[in-house]
Amino acid sequence: MSEEKILLRAKYIELSEESNDIYMVLNMCILTNKVNFNGVEFTDDFINGVVTNKEKYIGIPLVVNKHKLEKGLYKSLTHELDKKTGQLITQVIGSFIDFWSEEDEDGSLKLMGSVRVLKRYPKVCEALLELYNDDDLEMSCEVLVAGYEKQEDGIRYIAYKYGKKINHLIGSAVVSEPAEAKSKATLLIAEAFNSDFEGGVDMSKEQTEVFNKGKDINYHTGVETSSLKWSEVSGQIYSILNPVNLKTTYRKYNYYIRDLYHDYVLVEEYDDSSTLWKIDYDIVNDSVVLSNKDTWAKGKLGFIPDGVEIASLIEKNKNLENELNTKVTEINNKHKEDQILTEQEIKELQDKVTELSEKVTELNQTIVNQQETIKTHELKETELSNHISELTPFKDKFEKAEKETKKNALVEKYSNLLSEEVMKSETVVSALEELDEQKLNAAVVEQISKEVASKEPKEKEKPVVVVASNQGELIKGSVLEKYGIN
């Protein structure tokens, strides 16, 4: 799915006790793991993900509609989302310097953050202080969502990761109506701020922070490519590299900025100015994001001829290191060629053995499968035989009943055609038993023939005059002779 901006409002905000003439600090509850009024629930994984990777998010902005805030239009403060362009039309007034998690009294997990609000906007600071004193200073976080962990019963659940993508926290805004009931200021540094408006106070050296170790930053940036000024970009980088410990309110100084380019920065170690680091960065939604520390290029500061830039020397040194690593890799590869060849031959033999083993296994499996098939057929045959044996008595009874029915039908039919005597004859009884209608029909025809023959009139015998010349011609000597049988 395409990335989506989620805007969530918060209520728990505090003005801190730490301040100087550059900024005031604002602590807030950004979001919780409970369902908010927008139907969104952030998982514990999301909160822990931001805290664990907070170096990535340090420097994201606190924004507001400055015009409305400075004019006192407190009831109409929003994210100013342009639905046509998808852009958030607000202005940066500060940036986050730290993130942590806390458990609330009701057991909910809260994502907390600390913001530095720039005092370069005095009317903005006045308005924030007024809202804070009236308990109306409310915030709404901005999250760039790549995808939801799940959507259930109208609730969208957001974890830190969605597949290989990250659901990013990209900032927070001062708003009028919160969606997250607990997203409110918890701490605001107000004392020094009030003193500023009363004319200021003298601050000792221990209280004054010297930005960038008092060193000027060399800008090689040209035209600004975002709404941030290059000074604001360097300020965010400085805050990321040198974070503030909220418990002690002291900054941990690690690096100071030497040169700023449009896509990378050169910094020196705070306690060893001869050690340089080249760090790539991006600007995402007016927030500076530094590259991972393992990608930083390390260099040394020494004599640099005129016209030669430190960045080019670091780049040249990195190229030499890469070339050396390439040479070492080539030598190692050449040394391993014979070993690799032997390993390939061994591997081929192992592959052959593996192939034959697989074939043997396959044949054994085939035999087993065939044996299982035979056993299955035998079991089915036995089962069918048993089934047939169980059904045979029913079959015999059925056939017997069916034969008896047919026999009774024949008896009923032919008892009307044959005499009682004929019906009891062996021929008819046998034909009925065999259900042989052909024999029964023959018996009917035979009976009818006899009846017809018995009803024909007998002709009166006439005397026959035989002329015989001897006794033998008149009377046959035997029955055989009578019928001409010799």
Protein backbone atom coordinates (compact mmCIF):
# COMPACT_ATOMS: atom_id res chain seq x y z
CA MET A 1 0.00 0.00 0.00
CA SER A 2 1.11 3.60 -0.47
CA GLU A 3 2.37 5.51 2.55
CA GLU A 4 -0.28 7.41 4.49
CA LYS A 5 0.03 10.30 6.93
CA ILE A 6 -1.62 9.63 10.29
CA LEU A 7 -2.20 12.68 12.51
CA LEU A 8 -2.74 12.03 16.23
CA ARG A 9 -3.29 14.65 18.89
CA ALA A 10 -1.86 14.56 22.37
CA LYS A 11 -2.63 16.30 25.67
CA TYR A 12 0.06 15.66 28.30
CA ILE A 13 2.72 18.40 27.90
CA GLU A 14 5.13 20.02 30.37
CA LEU A 15 7.42 23.03 30.34
CA SER A 16 10.85 22.08 31.67
CA GLU A 17 13.23 23.84 34.02
CA GLU A 18 16.08 23.85 31.53
CA SER A 19 16.49 26.91 29.31
CA ASN A 20 18.90 29.43 27.86
CA ASP A 21 18.78 32.42 25.58
CA ILE A 22 18.44 30.18 22.49
CA TYR A 23 15.59 27.84 23.30
CA MET A 24 13.16 26.55 25.89
CA VAL A 25 12.52 22.83 26.46
CA LEU A 26 9.11 21.18 26.19
CA ASN A 27 8.44 17.59 27.34
CA MET A 28 5.34 15.78 26.16
CA CYS A 29 3.49 12.50 25.87
CA ILE A 30 3.46 11.92 22.11
CA LEU A 31 1.17 8.86 21.99
CA THR A 32 0.13 5.74 23.95
CA ASN A 33 -0.64 2.10 23.24
CA LYS A 34 -4.38 2.67 23.77
CA VAL A 35 -6.99 3.27 21.05
CA ASN A 36 -7.30 7.01 20.43
CA PHE A 37 -10.23 9.06 19.14
CA ASN A 38 -9.12 8.48 15.53
CA GLY A 39 -9.55 4.70 15.88
CA VAL A 40 -5.77 4.10 15.85
CA GLU A 41 -3.80 1.98 18.31
CA PHE A 42 0.00 1.97 18.36
CA THR A 43 1.54 -1.28 19.58
CA ASP A 44 4.23 -1.54 22.25
CA ASP A 45 6.53 -2.54 19.39
CA PHE A 46 6.02 0.87 17.73
CA ILE A 47 6.84 2.78 20.94
CA ASN A 48 9.89 0.61 21.69
CA GLY A 49 11.01 0.89 18.07
CA VAL A 50 11.09 4.69 18.21
CA VAL A 51 12.92 4.67 21.56
CA THR A 52 15.46 2.06 20.42
CA ASN A 53 16.14 3.94 17.18
CA LYS A 54 15.79 7.44 18.63
CA GLU A 55 19.00 8.65 16.98
CA LYS A 56 17.09 8.39 13.71
CA TYR A 57 14.26 10.56 15.04
CA ILE A 58 16.21 13.16 17.01
CA GLY A 59 15.77 16.37 15.09
CA ILE A 60 12.23 15.76 13.77
CA PRO A 61 10.27 19.01 13.98
CA LEU A 62 7.67 20.55 16.24
CA VAL A 63 5.40 22.56 13.93
CA VAL A 64 2.46 24.95 14.13
CA ASN A 65 0.56 27.45 12.04
CA LYS A 66 2.62 30.42 13.25
CA HIS A 67 0.22 33.00 11.87
CA LYS A 68 -2.76 31.61 13.78
CA LEU A 69 -0.75 31.02 16.95
CA GLU A 70 0.75 34.52 16.99
CA LYS A 71 -2.69 36.07 16.28
CA GLY A 72 -4.22 34.21 19.23
CA LEU A 73 -6.44 31.95 17.06
CA TYR A 74 -5.97 29.06 19.48
CA LYS A 75 -9.26 27.31 18.65
CA SER A 76 -8.43 26.71 14.97
CA LEU A 77 -4.95 25.17 15.18
CA THR A 78 -4.61 22.02 13.04
CA HIS A 79 -2.00 20.12 11.03
CA GLU A 80 -3.04 22.28 8.04
CA LEU A 81 -3.13 19.20 5.79
CA ASP A 82 -3.73 20.14 2.14
CA LYS A 83 -5.90 17.25 0.91
CA LYS A 84 -5.13 18.02 -2.73
CA THR A 85 -1.34 17.94 -2.43
CA GLY A 86 -1.00 15.82 0.72
CA GLN A 87 1.37 18.44 2.18
CA LEU A 88 1.33 19.70 5.79
CA ILE A 89 1.32 23.48 5.61
CA THR A 90 2.85 24.39 8.97
CA GLN A 91 6.09 26.02 10.13
CA VAL A 92 8.91 24.55 12.24
CA ILE A 93 9.32 26.17 15.67
CA GLY A 94 11.56 23.55 17.29
CA SER A 95 12.88 20.00 17.14
CA PHE A 96 12.95 16.84 19.26
CA ILE A 97 16.13 16.08 21.17
CA ASP A 98 15.20 12.85 22.97
CA PHE A 99 12.63 10.04 23.25
CA TRP A 100 11.80 7.57 26.04
CA SER A 101 8.88 5.45 27.26
CA GLU A 102 6.91 5.56 30.53
CA GLU A 103 4.13 3.50 32.04
CA ASP A 104 1.06 5.46 33.12
CA GLU A 105 -0.92 4.88 36.31
CA ASP A 106 -3.57 2.96 34.36
CA GLY A 107 -0.90 0.63 32.95
CA SER A 108 -0.76 2.16 29.46
CA LEU A 109 2.63 2.58 27.78
CA LYS A 110 3.47 6.15 26.70
CA LEU A 111 5.98 7.40 24.13
CA MET A 112 7.56 10.53 25.62
CA GLY A 113 9.61 13.20 23.86
CA SER A 114 11.57 16.33 24.62
CA VAL A 115 11.49 19.33 22.25
CA ARG A 116 13.54 22.48 22.03
CA VAL A 117 11.42 25.47 21.01
CA LEU A 118 13.45 28.23 19.37
CA LYS A 119 13.26 31.63 21.09
CA ARG A 120 13.84 33.34 17.78
CA TYR A 121 10.02 33.46 17.64
CA PRO A 122 9.12 35.42 20.83
CA LYS A 123 5.40 35.67 20.03
CA VAL A 124 5.27 31.91 19.54
CA CYS A 125 6.92 31.41 22.94
CA GLU A 126 4.48 33.84 24.57
CA ALA A 127 1.52 31.97 23.05
CA LEU A 128 2.87 28.57 24.16
CA LEU A 129 3.35 29.83 27.69
CA GLU A 130 -0.18 31.24 27.75
CA LEU A 131 -1.66 27.95 26.51
CA TYR A 132 0.42 26.01 29.01
CA ASN A 133 -0.72 28.14 31.96
CA ASP A 134 -4.36 27.70 30.83
CA ASP A 135 -3.83 23.90 30.54
CA ASP A 136 -4.66 24.15 26.82
CA LEU A 137 -1.23 23.38 25.32
CA GLU A 138 -2.04 20.29 23.25
CA MET A 139 -0.03 18.42 20.67
CA SER A 140 -0.73 16.03 17.80
CA CYS A 141 1.90 13.69 16.39
CA GLU A 142 2.41 13.02 12.69
CA VAL A 143 3.17 9.47 11.52
CA LEU A 144 4.01 8.32 7.99
CA VAL A 145 2.34 4.89 7.79
CA ALA A 146 3.55 2.30 5.28
CA GLY A 147 0.98 -0.29 6.38
CA TYR A 148 -1.17 -1.53 9.26
CA GLU A 149 -0.38 -4.63 11.29
CA LYS A 150 -4.12 -5.37 11.14
CA GLN A 151 -7.51 -3.66 10.90
CA GLU A 152 -10.18 -5.07 13.18
CA ASP A 153 -13.55 -3.78 14.37
CA GLY A 154 -12.83 -0.37 12.87
CA ILE A 155 -9.47 -0.06 14.69
CA ARG A 156 -6.17 0.32 12.79
CA TYR A 157 -3.17 -1.23 14.59
CA ILE A 158 0.26 0.23 13.81
CA ALA A 159 3.52 -1.56 14.66
CA TYR A 160 7.03 -0.18 14.14
CA LYS A 161 7.65 -2.30 11.05
CA TYR A 162 5.39 -3.23 8.14
CA GLY A 163 7.21 -5.92 6.19
CA LYS A 164 10.57 -4.41 5.24
CA LYS A 165 9.27 -0.86 5.65
CA ILE A 166 9.13 1.36 8.75
CA ASN A 167 6.13 3.30 10.03
CA HIS A 168 7.94 6.57 10.76
CA LEU A 169 7.20 9.18 13.40
CA ILE A 170 7.86 12.38 11.42
CA GLY A 171 6.93 15.18 13.83
CA SER A 172 4.39 16.79 16.11
CA ALA A 173 2.16 19.85 15.85
CA VAL A 174 0.50 22.30 18.26
CA VAL A 175 -3.29 21.82 17.77
CA SER A 176 -6.61 22.81 19.29
CA GLU A 177 -8.37 19.46 19.70
CA PRO A 178 -6.45 16.29 20.65
CA ALA A 179 -7.24 12.77 19.41
CA GLU A 180 -4.99 11.20 22.04
CA ALA A 181 -6.34 12.19 25.45
CA LYS A 182 -2.94 11.86 27.14
CA SER A 183 -0.84 13.75 24.59
CA LYS A 184 -0.25 16.89 26.57
CA ALA A 185 2.76 18.83 27.84
CA THR A 186 4.31 17.33 30.97
CA LEU A 187 7.18 19.77 31.44
CA LEU A 188 8.08 23.22 30.10
CA ILE A 189 11.12 25.24 31.10
CA ALA A 190 9.45 28.55 31.87
CA GLU A 191 11.68 30.33 34.39
CA ALA A 192 14.41 31.50 32.05
CA PHE A 193 11.83 32.24 29.41
CA ASN A 194 9.96 34.63 31.73
CA SER A 195 13.24 36.30 32.59
CA ASP A 196 13.89 36.88 28.92
CA PHE A 197 10.67 38.84 28.58
CA GLU A 198 11.44 40.82 31.72
CA GLY A 199 14.71 42.02 30.26
CA GLY A 200 16.91 39.01 30.80
CA VAL A 201 19.36 38.06 33.52
CA ASP A 202 23.13 37.70 33.69
CA MET A 203 24.18 34.08 33.14
CA SER A 204 27.46 32.62 34.31
CA LYS A 205 29.74 30.74 31.95
CA GLU A 206 28.58 27.47 33.52
CA GLN A 207 25.00 28.32 32.52
CA THR A 208 25.83 29.45 29.00
CA GLU A 209 26.14 26.86 26.26
CA VAL A 210 28.80 27.63 23.66
CA PHE A 211 27.37 26.39 20.37
CA ASN A 212 29.73 24.31 18.22
CA LYS A 213 32.64 24.92 20.63
CA GLY A 214 32.62 28.53 19.47
CA LYS A 215 33.80 27.47 15.99
CA ASP A 216 32.31 28.97 12.86
CA ILE A 217 30.77 26.52 10.43
CA ASN A 218 31.94 26.66 6.82
CA TYR A 219 28.90 26.35 4.56
CA HIS A 220 29.35 24.84 1.07
CA THR A 221 25.65 24.40 0.46
CA GLY A 222 24.47 26.90 -2.16
CA VAL A 223 20.73 27.34 -2.61
CA GLU A 224 18.47 25.91 0.10
CA THR A 225 16.69 22.74 -1.09
CA SER A 226 14.07 22.53 1.68
CA SER A 227 12.06 24.88 3.89
CA LEU A 228 14.88 24.67 6.45
CA LYS A 229 17.66 27.24 6.45
CA TRP A 230 21.15 25.79 6.36
CA SER A 231 21.71 27.17 9.84
CA GLU A 232 18.69 25.15 11.02
CA VAL A 233 20.10 22.06 9.29
CA SER A 234 23.44 22.49 11.09
CA GLY A 235 21.56 23.09 14.34
CA GLN A 236 19.67 19.81 14.02
CA ILE A 237 22.89 17.95 13.15
CA TYR A 238 24.62 19.49 16.16
CA SER A 239 21.74 18.43 18.45
CA ILE A 240 21.79 14.87 17.09
CA LEU A 241 25.55 14.51 17.52
CA ASN A 242 25.54 16.14 20.96
CA PRO A 243 22.35 15.04 22.78
CA VAL A 244 21.11 16.48 26.06
CA ASN A 245 20.75 14.28 29.14
CA LEU A 246 17.29 15.18 30.44
CA LYS A 247 18.04 13.95 33.95
CA THR A 248 21.15 16.07 34.42
CA THR A 249 20.09 18.76 31.86
CA TYR A 250 23.69 18.73 30.57
CA ARG A 251 24.69 18.19 26.96
CA LYS A 252 27.09 15.42 26.04
CA TYR A 253 29.65 16.95 23.69
CA ASN A 254 30.96 14.48 21.09
CA TYR A 255 31.57 16.44 17.88
CA TYR A 256 31.50 19.96 16.51
CA ILE A 257 30.76 20.87 12.91
CA ARG A 258 33.56 22.03 10.63
CA ASP A 259 32.07 22.07 7.13
CA LEU A 260 28.50 21.58 5.92
CA TYR A 261 27.69 20.43 2.38
CA HIS A 262 24.29 19.87 0.80
CA ASP A 263 24.37 16.10 1.45
CA TYR A 264 27.17 15.48 3.97
CA VAL A 265 28.89 17.18 6.90
CA LEU A 266 32.49 17.19 8.15
CA VAL A 267 32.84 17.09 11.94
CA GLU A 268 35.76 16.99 14.36
CA GLU A 269 35.83 14.97 17.54
CA TYR A 270 35.20 17.32 20.46
CA ASP A 271 38.24 16.19 22.46
CA ASP A 272 40.49 15.38 19.49
CA SER A 273 40.29 18.00 16.77
CA SER A 274 42.73 16.06 14.59
CA THR A 275 40.17 13.29 14.03
CA LEU A 276 37.60 14.05 11.34
CA TRP A 277 34.42 12.28 10.29
CA LYS A 278 32.52 12.60 7.03
CA ILE A 279 28.81 11.92 7.66
CA ASP A 280 26.11 11.69 4.98
CA TYR A 281 22.64 13.03 5.76
CA ASP A 282 19.17 13.46 4.25
CA ILE A 283 16.40 15.97 4.92
CA VAL A 284 13.04 14.24 5.32
CA ASN A 285 9.99 16.39 6.02
CA ASP A 286 12.19 19.22 7.33
CA SER A 287 14.02 16.83 9.64
CA VAL A 288 17.68 15.89 9.30
CA VAL A 289 18.42 12.15 9.27
CA LEU A 290 22.07 11.09 9.64
CA SER A 291 23.45 7.94 8.03
CA ASN A 292 24.27 4.93 10.20
CA LYS A 293 27.48 5.34 12.18
CA ASP A 294 29.13 2.33 10.52
CA THR A 295 29.04 4.22 7.20
CA TRP A 296 30.88 7.31 8.50
CA ALA A 297 34.29 7.91 6.89
CA LYS A 298 37.13 8.59 9.34
CA GLY A 299 40.05 10.92 8.59
CA LYS A 300 42.91 12.84 10.19
CA LEU A 301 43.56 16.57 10.18
CA GLY A 302 47.11 17.65 9.30
CA PHE A 303 48.86 19.99 6.89
CA ILE A 304 46.44 20.80 4.07
CA PRO A 305 47.82 22.62 1.00
CA ASP A 306 45.92 25.62 -0.32
CA GLY A 307 43.13 24.69 -2.71
CA VAL A 308 42.71 21.20 -1.26
CA GLU A 309 39.51 20.42 0.64
CA ILE A 310 39.41 18.12 3.64
CA ALA A 311 36.49 16.26 2.11
CA SER A 312 38.56 15.38 -0.97
CA LEU A 313 41.41 14.11 1.23
CA ILE A 314 39.04 11.92 3.23
CA GLU A 315 37.51 10.66 0.00
CA LYS A 316 40.97 9.94 -1.43
CA ASN A 317 41.96 8.10 1.75
CA LYS A 318 38.77 6.06 1.60
CA ASN A 319 39.45 5.21 -2.06
CA LEU A 320 43.00 4.09 -1.17
CA GLU A 321 41.62 1.88 1.60
CA ASN A 322 39.12 0.38 -0.84
CA GLU A 323 41.91 -0.20 -3.40
CA LEU A 324 44.07 -1.90 -0.75
CA ASN A 325 41.17 -4.09 0.33
CA THR A 326 40.59 -5.02 -3.32
CA LYS A 327 44.27 -6.04 -3.75
CA VAL A 328 44.16 -8.16 -0.60
CA THR A 329 40.97 -9.81 -1.82
CA GLU A 330 42.55 -10.60 -5.21
CA ILE A 331 45.61 -12.21 -3.56
CA ASN A 332 43.43 -14.26 -1.24
CA ASN A 333 41.26 -15.37 -4.15
CA LYS A 334 44.31 -16.43 -6.19
CA HIS A 335 45.71 -18.35 -3.24
CA LYS A 336 42.44 -20.19 -2.84
CA GLU A 337 42.05 -21.19 -6.52
CA ASP A 338 43.71 -24.63 -6.16
CA GLN A 339 41.88 -25.26 -2.93
CA ILE A 340 38.62 -24.21 -4.55
CA LEU A 341 39.28 -26.57 -7.50
CA THR A 342 39.84 -29.49 -5.12
CA GLU A 343 36.78 -28.52 -3.16
CA GLN A 344 34.78 -28.43 -6.39
CA GLU A 345 35.89 -31.98 -7.30
CA ILE A 346 35.03 -33.19 -3.82
CA LYS A 347 31.73 -31.42 -4.04
CA GLU A 348 30.98 -33.05 -7.41
CA LEU A 349 31.67 -36.50 -5.93
CA GLN A 350 29.59 -35.66 -2.88
CA ASP A 351 26.81 -34.46 -5.15
CA LYS A 352 27.01 -37.74 -7.11
CA VAL A 353 26.85 -39.77 -3.91
CA THR A 354 23.98 -37.63 -2.74
CA GLU A 355 22.21 -38.13 -6.08
CA LEU A 356 22.63 -41.93 -5.91
CA SER A 357 21.51 -41.96 -2.29
CA GLU A 358 18.44 -39.98 -3.26
CA LYS A 359 17.68 -42.47 -6.06
CA VAL A 360 18.05 -45.42 -3.65
CA THR A 361 15.82 -43.65 -1.20
CA GLU A 362 13.34 -42.93 -3.98
CA LEU A 363 13.33 -46.60 -5.11
CA ASN A 364 12.89 -47.80 -1.53
CA GLN A 365 10.02 -45.40 -1.16
CA THR A 366 8.50 -46.67 -4.41
CA ILE A 367 8.71 -50.27 -3.14
CA VAL A 368 7.15 -49.27 0.13
CA ASN A 369 4.40 -47.40 -1.69
CA GLN A 370 3.69 -50.40 -3.94
CA GLN A 371 3.61 -52.72 -0.95
CA GLU A 372 1.23 -50.35 0.78
CA THR A 373 -0.94 -50.36 -2.36
CA ILE A 374 -0.99 -54.17 -2.43
CA LYS A 375 -1.89 -54.32 1.23
CA THR A 376 -4.58 -51.76 0.67
CA HIS A 377 -6.06 -53.79 -2.22
CA GLU A 378 -5.92 -56.97 -0.15
CA LEU A 379 -7.70 -55.25 2.69
CA LYS A 380 -10.33 -53.94 0.27
CA GLU A 381 -10.73 -57.41 -1.29
CA THR A 382 -11.17 -58.98 2.15
CA GLU A 383 -13.59 -56.25 3.09
CA LEU A 384 -15.61 -56.83 -0.10
CA SER A 385 -15.60 -60.60 0.44
CA ASN A 386 -16.88 -60.11 3.97
CA HIS A 387 -19.48 -57.71 2.68
CA ILE A 388 -20.58 -60.21 0.04
CA SER A 389 -20.75 -62.96 2.64
CA GLU A 390 -22.92 -60.72 4.80
CA LEU A 391 -25.24 -59.94 1.88
CA THR A 392 -25.45 -63.53 0.48
CA PRO A 393 -28.24 -64.68 2.87
CA PHE A 394 -30.28 -61.64 1.92
CA LYS A 395 -29.63 -62.35 -1.77
CA ASP A 396 -30.72 -65.97 -1.40
CA LYS A 397 -33.87 -64.94 0.45
CA PHE A 398 -34.64 -62.34 -2.18
CA GLU A 399 -34.09 -64.74 -5.07
CA LYS A 400 -36.17 -67.40 -3.34
CA ALA A 401 -38.99 -64.93 -2.69
CA GLU A 402 -38.77 -63.64 -6.25
CA LYS A 403 -38.91 -67.21 -7.65
CA GLU A 404 -41.83 -68.08 -5.43
CA THR A 405 -43.67 -64.99 -6.63
CA LYS A 406 -43.07 -65.86 -10.28
CA LYS A 407 -44.04 -69.50 -9.65
CA ASN A 408 -47.29 -68.45 -7.97
CA ALA A 409 -48.03 -66.21 -10.91
CA LEU A 410 -47.48 -69.10 -13.34
CA VAL A 411 -49.61 -71.44 -11.22
CA GLU A 412 -52.39 -68.88 -11.18
CA LYS A 413 -52.10 -68.38 -14.95
CA TYR A 414 -51.87 -71.98 -16.08
CA SER A 415 -54.32 -73.44 -13.56
CA ASN A 416 -56.96 -71.70 -15.64
CA LEU A 417 -55.63 -73.29 -18.84
CA LEU A 418 -54.75 -76.81 -17.72
CA SER A 419 -56.81 -79.41 -15.98
CA GLU A 420 -56.13 -80.30 -12.40
CA GLU A 421 -54.78 -83.62 -13.51
CA VAL A 422 -52.33 -82.09 -15.97
CA MET A 423 -51.27 -79.48 -13.41
CA LYS A 424 -50.26 -82.31 -11.09
CA SER A 425 -48.33 -84.09 -13.81
CA GLU A 426 -44.59 -84.42 -13.45
CA THR A 427 -43.97 -82.41 -16.62
CA VAL A 428 -46.02 -79.41 -15.48
CA VAL A 429 -44.70 -79.52 -11.87
CA SER A 430 -41.12 -79.59 -13.20
CA ALA A 431 -41.83 -76.72 -15.63
CA LEU A 432 -43.35 -74.63 -12.82
CA GLU A 433 -40.34 -75.28 -10.61
CA GLU A 434 -38.01 -74.24 -13.41
CA LEU A 435 -40.29 -71.29 -14.38
CA ASP A 436 -40.24 -72.69 -17.91
CA GLU A 437 -43.18 -71.09 -19.71
CA GLN A 438 -42.23 -72.78 -22.97
CA LYS A 439 -42.90 -76.25 -21.53
CA LEU A 440 -46.10 -74.99 -19.91
CA ASN A 441 -47.29 -73.55 -23.22
CA ALA A 442 -46.52 -76.89 -24.87
CA ALA A 443 -48.61 -78.69 -22.23
CA VAL A 444 -51.53 -76.31 -22.95
CA VAL A 445 -51.28 -76.95 -26.68
CA GLU A 446 -51.13 -80.71 -26.09
CA GLN A 447 -54.21 -80.61 -23.89
CA ILE A 448 -56.13 -78.54 -26.42
CA SER A 449 -55.15 -80.96 -29.20
CA LYS A 450 -56.47 -83.92 -27.23
CA GLU A 451 -59.70 -82.15 -26.50
CA VAL A 452 -60.22 -81.27 -30.17
CA ALA A 453 -59.41 -84.83 -31.22
CA SER A 454 -61.87 -86.29 -28.75
CA LYS A 455 -64.70 -84.20 -30.14
CA GLU A 456 -64.30 -85.25 -33.90
CA PRO A 457 -66.99 -87.88 -35.17
CA LYS A 458 -65.68 -91.38 -35.95
CA GLU A 459 -66.29 -92.67 -39.56
CA LYS A 460 -68.34 -95.84 -39.90
CA GLU A 461 -66.19 -98.75 -40.85
CA LYS A 462 -66.90 -100.19 -44.25
CA PRO A 463 -66.22 -103.79 -45.12
CA VAL A 464 -63.09 -104.24 -47.12
CA VAL A 465 -63.05 -106.83 -49.78
CA VAL A 466 -59.67 -108.32 -50.26
CA VAL A 467 -58.86 -110.60 -53.01
CA ALA A 468 -56.33 -112.99 -51.76
CA SER A 469 -54.84 -115.85 -53.56
CA ASN A 470 -53.53 -117.48 -50.47
CA GLN A 471 -53.77 -117.36 -46.75
CA GLY A 472 -50.58 -115.44 -46.32
CA GLU A 473 -51.71 -112.43 -48.30
CA LEU A 474 -54.80 -112.00 -46.10
CA ILE A 475 -53.32 -112.00 -42.60
CA LYS A 476 -49.86 -111.05 -41.55
CA GLY A 477 -48.13 -113.51 -39.50
CA SER A 478 -47.04 -111.01 -36.80
CA VAL A 479 -47.32 -107.42 -35.65
CA LEU A 480 -43.95 -106.64 -37.22
CA GLU A 481 -45.08 -108.03 -40.46
CA LYS A 482 -48.26 -106.00 -40.12
CA TYR A 483 -46.37 -102.71 -40.16
CA GLY A 484 -43.88 -103.92 -42.72
CA ILE A 485 -41.02 -104.19 -40.30
CA ASN A 486 -38.72 -107.02 -41.10
